[in-house]
C-alpha atoms as a PDB file:
ATOM      1  CA  MET A   1     119.898 114.149  77.657  1.00  0.00           C
ATOM      2  CA  LYS A   2     116.289 115.039  76.958  1.00  0.00           C
ATOM      3  CA  VAL A   3     113.619 112.559  78.063  1.00  0.00           C
ATOM      4  CA  LEU A   4     109.850 112.474  78.001  1.00  0.00           C
ATOM      5  CA  LEU A   5     108.392 111.524  81.366  1.00  0.00           C
ATOM      6  CA  ILE A   6     105.803 108.745  81.026  1.00  0.00           C
ATOM      7  CA  GLN A   7     104.865 108.887  84.707  1.00  0.00           C
ATOM      8  CA  ASP A   8     105.140 111.583  87.392  1.00  0.00           C
ATOM      9  CA  VAL A   9     108.637 111.570  88.942  1.00  0.00           C
ATOM     10  CA  TYR A  10     109.029 113.235  92.296  1.00  0.00           C
ATOM     11  CA  LYS A  11     111.050 116.466  92.112  1.00  0.00           C
ATOM     12  CA  LEU A  12     111.629 116.070  88.337  1.00  0.00           C
ATOM     13  CA  GLY A  13     108.348 116.628  86.583  1.00  0.00           C
ATOM     14  CA  ARG A  14     104.855 115.408  85.659  1.00  0.00           C
ATOM     15  CA  ALA A  15     103.898 112.828  83.022  1.00  0.00           C
ATOM     16  CA  GLY A  16     104.154 114.441  79.584  1.00  0.00           C
ATOM     17  CA  ASP A  17     106.920 116.847  80.452  1.00  0.00           C
ATOM     18  CA  ILE A  18     110.144 116.868  78.474  1.00  0.00           C
ATOM     19  CA  VAL A  19     113.082 117.403  80.862  1.00  0.00           C
ATOM     20  CA  GLU A  20     116.819 117.582  80.671  1.00  0.00           C
ATOM     21  CA  VAL A  21     118.580 115.003  82.916  1.00  0.00           C
ATOM     22  CA  ARG A  22     122.027 113.566  83.192  1.00  0.00           C
ATOM     23  CA  ASP A  23     122.820 110.720  80.773  1.00  0.00           C
ATOM     24  CA  GLY A  24     123.422 108.097  83.503  1.00  0.00           C
ATOM     25  CA  TYR A  25     120.165 108.915  85.359  1.00  0.00           C
ATOM     26  CA  ALA A  26     118.221 108.461  82.159  1.00  0.00           C
ATOM     27  CA  ARG A  27     120.007 105.302  80.974  1.00  0.00           C
ATOM     28  CA  ASN A  28     120.295 103.587  84.378  1.00  0.00           C
ATOM     29  CA  TYR A  29     117.070 104.613  86.121  1.00  0.00           C
ATOM     30  CA  LEU A  30     114.357 106.431  84.191  1.00  0.00           C
ATOM     31  CA  VAL A  31     114.326 104.443  80.986  1.00  0.00           C
ATOM     32  CA  PRO A  32     114.710 100.917  82.476  1.00  0.00           C
ATOM     33  CA  LYS A  33     111.995 101.541  85.067  1.00  0.00           C
ATOM     34  CA  GLY A  34     109.610 102.731  82.307  1.00  0.00           C
ATOM     35  CA  LEU A  35     109.387 106.220  83.792  1.00  0.00           C
ATOM     36  CA  ALA A  36     110.732 107.998  80.697  1.00  0.00           C
ATOM     37  CA  ILE A  37     111.797 107.636  77.057  1.00  0.00           C
ATOM     38  CA  VAL A  38     114.671 109.330  75.350  1.00  0.00           C
ATOM     39  CA  VAL A  39     113.840 112.217  73.017  1.00  0.00           C
ATOM     40  CA  THR A  40     115.455 111.995  69.638  1.00  0.00           C
ATOM     41  CA  LYS A  41     114.492 113.383  66.209  1.00  0.00           C
ATOM     42  CA  GLY A  42     113.201 109.964  65.241  1.00  0.00           C
ATOM     43  CA  THR A  43     110.975 109.513  68.327  1.00  0.00           C
ATOM     44  CA  MET A  44     109.176 112.836  68.050  1.00  0.00           C
ATOM     45  CA  LYS A  45     106.017 111.416  66.502  1.00  0.00           C
ATOM     46  CA  GLU A  46     105.843 108.692  69.176  1.00  0.00           C
ATOM     47  CA  ILE A  47     106.412 111.368  71.830  1.00  0.00           C
ATOM     48  CA  GLU A  48     103.600 113.523  70.568  1.00  0.00           C
ATOM     49  CA  ALA A  49     101.228 110.474  70.554  1.00  0.00           C
ATOM     50  CA  ARG A  50     102.302 109.587  74.070  1.00  0.00           C
ATOM     51  CA  LYS A  51     101.776 113.188  75.263  1.00  0.00           C
ATOM     52  CA  ARG A  52      98.248 113.173  73.923  1.00  0.00           C
ATOM     53  CA  ALA A  53      97.519 109.806  75.596  1.00  0.00           C
ATOM     54  CA  ILE A  54      98.970 111.088  78.898  1.00  0.00           C
ATOM     55  CA  GLU A  55      96.835 114.220  78.671  1.00  0.00           C
ATOM     56  CA  ARG A  56      93.688 112.164  78.011  1.00  0.00           C
ATOM     57  CA  ARG A  57      94.477 109.946  81.052  1.00  0.00           C
ATOM     58  CA  ARG A  58      95.071 113.021  83.186  1.00  0.00           C
ATOM     59  CA  MET A  59      91.710 114.543  82.121  1.00  0.00           C
ATOM     60  CA  LYS A  60      89.921 111.252  82.976  1.00  0.00           C
ATOM     61  CA  GLN A  61      91.592 111.146  86.386  1.00  0.00           C
ATOM     62  CA  ARG A  62      90.490 114.783  87.000  1.00  0.00           C
ATOM     63  CA  MET A  63      86.863 113.910  86.087  1.00  0.00           C
ATOM     64  CA  GLU A  64      86.929 110.863  88.423  1.00  0.00           C
ATOM     65  CA  ALA A  65      88.355 112.976  91.193  1.00  0.00           C
ATOM     66  CA  GLU A  66      85.543 115.560  90.685  1.00  0.00           C
ATOM     67  CA  LYS A  67      82.928 112.841  91.030  1.00  0.00           C
ATOM     68  CA  LEU A  68      84.587 111.407  94.093  1.00  0.00           C
ATOM     69  CA  LYS A  69      84.703 114.970  95.611  1.00  0.00           C
ATOM     70  CA  GLU A  70      80.998 115.321  95.273  1.00  0.00           C
ATOM     71  CA  LYS A  71      80.370 111.954  96.915  1.00  0.00           C
ATOM     72  CA  LEU A  72      82.832 112.606  99.794  1.00  0.00           C
ATOM     73  CA  GLU A  73      81.441 116.028 100.588  1.00  0.00           C
ATOM     74  CA  LYS A  74      78.035 114.476 101.182  1.00  0.00           C
ATOM     75  CA  GLU A  75      79.402 111.874 103.634  1.00  0.00           C
ATOM     76  CA  LEU A  76      79.798 112.164 107.390  1.00  0.00           C
ATOM     77  CA  VAL A  77      82.805 110.169 108.568  1.00  0.00           C
ATOM     78  CA  LYS A  78      82.568 109.049 112.191  1.00  0.00           C
ATOM     79  CA  ILE A  79      85.609 107.916 114.200  1.00  0.00           C
ATOM     80  CA  LYS A  80      85.191 106.472 117.677  1.00  0.00           C
ATOM     81  CA  VAL A  81      87.896 107.161 120.222  1.00  0.00           C
ATOM     82  CA  GLU A  82      88.717 106.113 123.748  1.00  0.00           C
ATOM     83  CA  VAL A  83      87.823 108.896 126.290  1.00  0.00           C
ATOM     84  CA  GLY A  84      88.498 109.363 129.998  1.00  0.00           C
ATOM     85  CA  GLU A  85      87.052 111.619 132.569  1.00  0.00           C
ATOM     86  CA  GLU A  86      85.132 114.652 131.313  1.00  0.00           C
ATOM     87  CA  ASN A  87      85.215 113.230 127.742  1.00  0.00           C
ATOM     88  CA  LYS A  88      88.940 113.885 127.417  1.00  0.00           C
ATOM     89  CA  MET A  89      90.391 111.913 124.532  1.00  0.00           C
ATOM     90  CA  PHE A  90      93.218 109.428 124.891  1.00  0.00           C
ATOM     91  CA  GLY A  91      95.624 110.239 122.063  1.00  0.00           C
ATOM     92  CA  SER A  92      94.489 112.005 118.904  1.00  0.00           C
ATOM     93  CA  VAL A  93      92.941 111.352 115.515  1.00  0.00           C
ATOM     94  CA  THR A  94      95.569 111.400 112.741  1.00  0.00           C
ATOM     95  CA  SER A  95      95.421 111.166 108.967  1.00  0.00           C
ATOM     96  CA  ALA A  96      96.005 107.456 109.204  1.00  0.00           C
ATOM     97  CA  HIS A  97      92.877 107.054 111.372  1.00  0.00           C
ATOM     98  CA  ILE A  98      90.825 109.085 108.866  1.00  0.00           C
ATOM     99  CA  ALA A  99      92.159 106.985 105.922  1.00  0.00           C
ATOM    100  CA  ASP A 100      91.187 103.751 107.761  1.00  0.00           C
ATOM    101  CA  ALA A 101      87.658 105.120 108.389  1.00  0.00           C
ATOM    102  CA  LEU A 102      87.310 106.091 104.728  1.00  0.00           C
ATOM    103  CA  LYS A 103      88.571 102.621 103.728  1.00  0.00           C
ATOM    104  CA  SER A 104      85.923 101.013 105.848  1.00  0.00           C
ATOM    105  CA  MET A 105      83.351 103.174 103.961  1.00  0.00           C
ATOM    106  CA  GLY A 106      84.636 101.965 100.607  1.00  0.00           C
ATOM    107  CA  TYR A 107      86.960 104.902  99.738  1.00  0.00           C
ATOM    108  CA  GLU A 108      90.618 104.307  98.933  1.00  0.00           C
ATOM    109  CA  ILE A 109      92.397 107.495 100.057  1.00  0.00           C
ATOM    110  CA  ASP A 110      96.099 107.586 100.893  1.00  0.00           C
ATOM    111  CA  LYS A 111      96.832 109.037 104.331  1.00  0.00           C
ATOM    112  CA  ARG A 112      99.346 111.462 102.682  1.00  0.00           C
ATOM    113  CA  ASP A 113      96.451 113.016 100.787  1.00  0.00           C
ATOM    114  CA  ILE A 114      94.574 113.920 104.013  1.00  0.00           C
ATOM    115  CA  LEU A 115      95.608 117.473 104.749  1.00  0.00           C
ATOM    116  CA  LEU A 116      95.667 117.909 108.502  1.00  0.00           C
ATOM    117  CA  ASP A 117      97.533 120.845 110.021  1.00  0.00           C
ATOM    118  CA  SER A 118      97.822 118.960 113.295  1.00  0.00           C
ATOM    119  CA  PRO A 119      96.176 115.832 114.772  1.00  0.00           C
ATOM    120  CA  ILE A 120      92.619 116.243 116.057  1.00  0.00           C
ATOM    121  CA  LYS A 121      92.513 116.189 119.902  1.00  0.00           C
ATOM    122  CA  GLU A 122      88.904 117.137 120.600  1.00  0.00           C
ATOM    123  CA  LEU A 123      85.530 115.390 120.255  1.00  0.00           C
ATOM    124  CA  GLY A 124      83.014 117.029 117.867  1.00  0.00           C
ATOM    125  CA  ILE A 125      82.632 117.868 114.235  1.00  0.00           C
ATOM    126  CA  HIS A 126      85.720 118.888 112.249  1.00  0.00           C
ATOM    127  CA  ARG A 127      86.346 119.881 108.629  1.00  0.00           C
ATOM    128  CA  VAL A 128      89.240 118.104 106.933  1.00  0.00           C
ATOM    129  CA  LYS A 129      90.660 118.708 103.457  1.00  0.00           C
ATOM    130  CA  VAL A 130      91.429 115.681 101.233  1.00  0.00           C
ATOM    131  CA  ARG A 131      93.485 116.015  98.093  1.00  0.00           C
ATOM    132  CA  LEU A 132      91.976 113.779  95.389  1.00  0.00           C
ATOM    133  CA  PHE A 133      93.896 115.025  92.380  1.00  0.00           C
ATOM    134  CA  GLU A 134      96.454 117.845  91.832  1.00  0.00           C
ATOM    135  CA  ASP A 135      94.059 120.723  92.449  1.00  0.00           C
ATOM    136  CA  VAL A 136      90.802 118.870  93.342  1.00  0.00           C
ATOM    137  CA  ILE A 137      90.424 119.072  97.106  1.00  0.00           C
ATOM    138  CA  ALA A 138      87.343 117.771  98.952  1.00  0.00           C
ATOM    139  CA  ASP A 139      86.068 119.275 102.167  1.00  0.00           C
ATOM    140  CA  LEU A 140      85.264 116.261 104.359  1.00  0.00           C
ATOM    141  CA  THR A 141      83.034 116.367 107.411  1.00  0.00           C
ATOM    142  CA  LEU A 142      84.489 114.272 110.307  1.00  0.00           C
ATOM    143  CA  GLU A 143      82.783 113.564 113.637  1.00  0.00           C
ATOM    144  CA  VAL A 144      84.879 112.376 116.482  1.00  0.00           C
ATOM    145  CA  ILE A 145      82.709 110.502 119.035  1.00  0.00           C
ATOM    146  CA  PRO A 146      83.465 108.469 122.196  1.00  0.00           C
ATOM    147  CA  LYS A 147      83.548 104.709 121.900  1.00  0.00           C
ATOM    148  CA  GLY A 148      80.444 103.121 123.297  1.00  0.00           C
ATOM    149  CA  SER A 149      78.356 106.243 122.627  1.00  0.00           C
ATOM    150  CA  VAL A 150      74.705 105.668 121.506  1.00  0.00           C
ATOM    151  CA  GLU A 151      75.155 107.455 118.107  1.00  0.00           C
ATOM    152  CA  SER A 152      76.544 104.870 115.661  1.00  0.00           C
END
């Protein structure tokens, strides 16, 4: 059965794609959840209109992501961590910590969109990539400082 995806569906396709799926998957999951509509000869006009609307929404999201990228790249995100002797960190800074710091600054970024190769285990300034939209990636400046330090 051919369906038009109204929303992105993980491992199936992006909104606006027409994909072939099994009948039961379409009838029992995709259509009732509002994720897709069935493609028939009668629904082709509606499908074309929805595709245009989806594309407009996607372009608007891309423009918003570009603006957010510009703002984020000007920011310095500071994260305070507990340290022991010789400024050795207890634990590490993860994408969840970075997401929380961004949230406190007024940015809603999902921790899964913070692209860390591995947790940060050293004090200092680090560069972190943040995916804002499909191919819009911001280069964030992150400073890890000891708790109780004078720089706030």
